[in-house]
Protein backbone atom coordinates (compact mmCIF):
# COMPACT_ATOMS: atom_id res chain seq x y z
CA MET A 1 104.72 -85.94 40.16
CA VAL A 2 102.63 -89.11 40.03
CA ASN A 3 103.18 -92.03 42.49
CA LEU A 4 102.51 -95.58 41.65
CA ILE A 5 101.55 -97.56 44.70
CA SER A 6 101.36 -101.27 44.84
CA PHE A 7 101.68 -104.32 47.11
CA PRO A 8 104.73 -106.37 46.15
CA ARG A 9 104.15 -108.71 43.18
CA SER A 10 101.14 -106.86 41.86
CA GLY A 11 102.53 -106.31 38.31
CA CYS A 12 104.12 -102.92 38.93
CA HIS A 13 107.02 -103.50 36.71
CA TRP A 14 104.93 -104.68 33.79
CA LEU A 15 102.82 -101.61 34.06
CA MET A 16 105.68 -99.22 34.45
CA ARG A 17 107.22 -100.80 31.24
CA LEU A 18 103.78 -100.33 29.34
CA ILE A 19 103.73 -96.71 30.46
CA GLU A 20 107.13 -96.17 28.99
CA LEU A 21 106.22 -97.66 25.71
CA CYS A 22 102.78 -96.10 25.32
CA ALA A 23 104.01 -92.66 26.33
CA ASP A 24 107.29 -93.03 24.46
CA ARG A 25 109.19 -91.60 27.47
CA PRO A 26 111.70 -94.17 28.72
CA ARG A 27 113.52 -93.74 31.89
CA ILE A 28 116.71 -91.70 31.96
CA SER A 29 119.71 -93.91 31.65
CA ARG A 30 122.91 -93.67 33.69
CA GLN A 31 126.02 -95.43 32.46
CA GLY A 32 123.97 -97.57 30.16
CA LYS A 33 121.40 -98.75 32.63
CA PRO A 34 117.98 -97.27 33.37
CA ILE A 35 117.54 -95.45 36.70
CA PRO A 36 115.18 -97.19 39.03
CA TRP A 37 111.66 -96.01 39.14
CA TYR A 38 112.23 -95.40 42.85
CA ASP A 39 114.70 -92.63 41.88
CA SER A 40 112.48 -89.62 40.93
CA GLU A 41 115.27 -88.28 38.69
CA GLY A 42 114.97 -91.52 36.47
CA SER A 43 111.28 -91.32 35.84
CA PRO A 44 109.62 -89.22 33.12
CA TRP A 45 106.32 -88.96 35.05
CA GLY A 46 106.52 -90.37 38.74
CA VAL A 47 107.99 -92.73 41.17
CA HIS A 48 106.93 -96.16 42.56
CA HIS A 49 106.51 -97.25 46.06
CA HIS A 50 105.48 -100.60 47.48
CA ASP A 51 105.05 -99.11 51.05
CA TYR A 52 105.40 -102.75 52.29
CA GLU A 53 108.43 -105.03 51.61
CA PHE A 54 108.79 -108.56 52.88
CA VAL A 55 111.69 -111.05 53.66
CA ASN A 56 112.17 -114.59 54.68
CA ASP A 57 113.22 -114.47 58.22
CA SER A 58 114.32 -117.95 59.13
CA GLY A 59 111.31 -119.55 57.69
CA ARG A 60 108.82 -116.67 58.76
CA ILE A 61 107.57 -113.96 56.70
CA LYS A 62 108.61 -110.65 57.99
CA LEU A 63 107.18 -107.29 57.14
CA LEU A 64 109.33 -104.21 56.48
CA GLU A 65 107.07 -101.21 56.41
CA ASP A 66 107.87 -97.72 55.00
CA GLY A 67 105.07 -96.07 56.95
CA LEU A 68 103.87 -93.86 53.93
CA ASP A 69 100.94 -91.63 54.75
CA PRO A 70 98.35 -91.22 51.96
CA LYS A 71 97.70 -87.64 53.10
CA ASN A 72 101.29 -86.73 51.95
CA PHE A 73 100.52 -87.68 48.43
CA HIS A 74 98.93 -85.44 45.82
CA SER A 75 98.48 -87.83 42.81
CA VAL A 76 98.50 -91.61 42.97
CA ILE A 77 97.76 -94.57 40.86
CA TYR A 78 97.01 -97.70 43.12
CA LEU A 79 97.63 -101.01 41.30
CA TYR A 80 96.22 -104.20 42.88
CA ARG A 81 95.93 -107.79 41.90
CA ASP A 82 94.05 -110.83 42.92
CA PRO A 83 95.18 -111.59 46.50
CA VAL A 84 95.74 -115.34 45.94
CA ASP A 85 98.09 -114.68 42.94
CA THR A 86 99.83 -111.92 44.54
CA LEU A 87 100.61 -113.94 47.65
CA TYR A 88 101.67 -116.95 45.86
CA SER A 89 104.01 -114.93 43.81
CA LEU A 90 105.24 -113.16 46.91
CA PHE A 91 106.06 -116.45 48.60
CA GLU A 92 107.87 -117.77 45.58
CA PHE A 93 109.89 -114.54 45.16
CA ILE A 94 111.22 -114.41 48.72
CA ASP A 95 111.47 -118.18 48.87
CA CYS A 96 109.41 -118.33 52.12
CA PRO A 97 107.50 -121.55 53.41
CA LYS A 98 103.90 -121.46 52.60
CA THR A 99 102.60 -122.32 56.27
CA GLU A 100 99.29 -121.39 57.44
CA GLU A 101 100.89 -118.85 59.92
CA ASN A 102 102.89 -117.28 57.08
CA VAL A 103 99.98 -117.13 54.64
CA ALA A 104 97.71 -115.74 57.41
CA LYS A 105 100.23 -112.92 58.33
CA ALA A 106 100.85 -112.00 54.53
CA SER A 107 97.09 -111.85 53.93
CA GLU A 108 96.48 -109.49 56.77
CA CYS A 109 99.32 -107.32 55.39
CA TYR A 110 97.83 -107.38 51.92
CA TYR A 111 94.36 -106.12 53.11
CA LYS A 112 95.89 -103.63 55.46
CA HIS A 113 97.80 -102.17 52.53
CA LYS A 114 94.85 -102.22 50.24
CA TYR A 115 92.38 -100.59 52.48
CA LYS A 116 95.00 -98.00 53.91
CA TRP A 117 95.29 -96.76 50.49
CA LEU A 118 91.65 -97.06 49.22
CA ASN A 119 90.44 -95.56 52.41
CA GLY A 120 93.04 -92.83 52.19
CA ALA A 121 92.05 -91.91 48.66
CA ASP A 122 89.68 -89.13 50.06
CA ASN A 123 92.78 -87.32 51.10
CA ILE A 124 94.49 -87.50 47.73
CA GLN A 125 93.75 -85.00 45.16
CA ASN A 126 94.23 -87.14 42.09
CA PHE A 127 93.63 -90.97 42.70
CA LEU A 128 93.20 -93.91 40.25
CA THR A 129 92.82 -97.44 40.99
CA VAL A 130 93.95 -100.04 38.40
CA ARG A 131 93.33 -103.75 38.48
CA TYR A 132 96.22 -105.98 37.19
CA GLU A 133 93.48 -108.25 35.87
CA ASP A 134 92.03 -105.35 33.75
CA LEU A 135 95.42 -104.81 32.19
CA VAL A 136 95.57 -108.54 31.17
CA ASN A 137 91.88 -108.76 30.02
CA ASN A 138 91.19 -105.39 28.68
CA GLY A 139 94.54 -103.87 28.16
CA CYS A 140 94.01 -101.02 25.58
CA ALA A 141 90.90 -99.62 27.41
CA THR A 142 92.71 -99.64 30.75
CA MET A 143 95.84 -98.08 29.36
CA GLU A 144 93.69 -95.38 27.84
CA VAL A 145 92.39 -94.36 31.20
CA ILE A 146 95.87 -94.55 32.87
CA LEU A 147 97.37 -92.29 30.11
CA ASP A 148 94.48 -89.86 30.36
CA PHE A 149 95.29 -89.69 34.06
CA LEU A 150 98.97 -89.00 33.33
CA GLU A 151 97.84 -86.37 30.77
CA GLU A 152 99.57 -88.31 28.04
CA ASP A 153 98.19 -88.92 24.46
CA TYR A 154 96.63 -92.27 23.75
CA SER A 155 97.06 -94.30 20.52
CA ARG A 156 95.47 -97.58 20.16
CA VAL A 157 98.10 -98.73 17.56
CA VAL A 158 100.97 -97.67 19.97
CA THR A 159 99.28 -99.35 22.89
CA GLU A 160 98.73 -102.70 20.98
CA ASP A 161 102.39 -102.50 19.90
CA ALA A 162 103.42 -101.96 23.50
CA PHE A 163 101.41 -104.98 24.81
CA ASP A 164 102.68 -107.09 21.91
CA ARG A 165 106.41 -106.17 22.93
CA VAL A 166 105.92 -106.87 26.53
CA LYS A 167 103.97 -110.15 25.98
CA ASN A 168 106.51 -111.41 23.42
CA LYS A 169 109.27 -110.94 25.92
CA THR A 170 107.21 -112.63 28.65
CA THR A 171 106.20 -115.58 26.30
CA ALA A 172 109.79 -116.12 25.27
CA LEU A 173 110.89 -116.42 28.94
CA LYS A 174 108.13 -118.84 29.60
CA ARG A 175 109.14 -121.04 26.59
CA ALA A 176 112.76 -120.92 27.84
CA ARG A 177 111.80 -122.26 30.98
CA ASN A 178 108.72 -124.14 30.09
CA PHE A 179 108.88 -127.12 32.37
CA GLY A 180 109.49 -124.74 35.45
CA HIS A 181 106.59 -122.61 34.26
CA LEU A 182 104.18 -125.72 34.30
CA VAL A 183 105.27 -126.63 37.68
CA TYR A 184 104.74 -122.98 38.97
CA GLU A 185 101.18 -123.09 37.54
CA ARG A 186 100.27 -126.36 39.14
CA HIS A 187 101.75 -125.21 42.61
CA ARG A 188 99.74 -121.94 42.20
CA ALA A 189 96.62 -123.91 41.70
CA ASP A 190 97.37 -126.03 44.88
CA PHE A 191 98.09 -122.82 46.82
CA ARG A 192 94.68 -121.41 45.83
CA GLU A 193 92.85 -124.65 46.96
CA ASN A 194 94.69 -124.89 50.25
CA PHE A 195 94.82 -121.25 51.34
CA SER A 196 91.77 -119.35 49.77
CA LYS A 197 89.78 -119.51 52.93
CA ILE A 198 92.56 -118.25 55.13
CA ILE A 199 92.99 -115.19 52.70
CA MET A 200 89.32 -114.50 52.42
CA ASP A 201 88.94 -114.59 56.22
CA LYS A 202 91.58 -111.88 56.47
CA LYS A 203 89.73 -109.84 53.98
CA TYR A 204 86.56 -109.73 56.10
CA GLU A 205 88.51 -108.81 59.14
CA ALA A 206 90.10 -105.96 57.21
CA ILE A 207 86.70 -104.76 55.92
CA ASN A 208 85.60 -104.35 59.64
CA ALA A 209 88.78 -102.91 60.86
CA LYS A 210 89.83 -99.23 60.83
CA PHE A 211 93.18 -98.32 59.35
């Protein structure tokens, strides 16, 4: 059983859909609806865990931690994404104010999560890291590595079709809410300009810390 581990808003659902399409092994359905990936009975190959979850607690970001221990996992795919894009998406998703205090706390959690799992890789027999940006910019080659890790056959034709199907759905959604998407992109650029230094400072703290 393979476990997909990712910080929230790192592209996990996109990757899971790609795996289903490329491996031609969709989730088991129950009463017409797919069983969530968190339910091992519903997945053809593994389950997904965030380890960390976040909520908006009266205007302050609050961490809910599962407390997973890498030593208890045999096979892991760790998916991660650019921290600024990840955190902006997180704040939008939980509708939490983007204050310096909140961004600093979320940034610290991001790097703790990342280094907890990367440093814990030595205790995991089978471990694969995947960057979201590699899926976006070099999709077929990245999926070939993932499918090999999952011991699934790779077909470039099937993989290209899978990306087209997922991208077409995403493009259609963006067109349907075009104005909202443009505002989202402008606000994300503002977030990067305003908070990149805070986020990078937390990175350096995390590198020097022991988790």
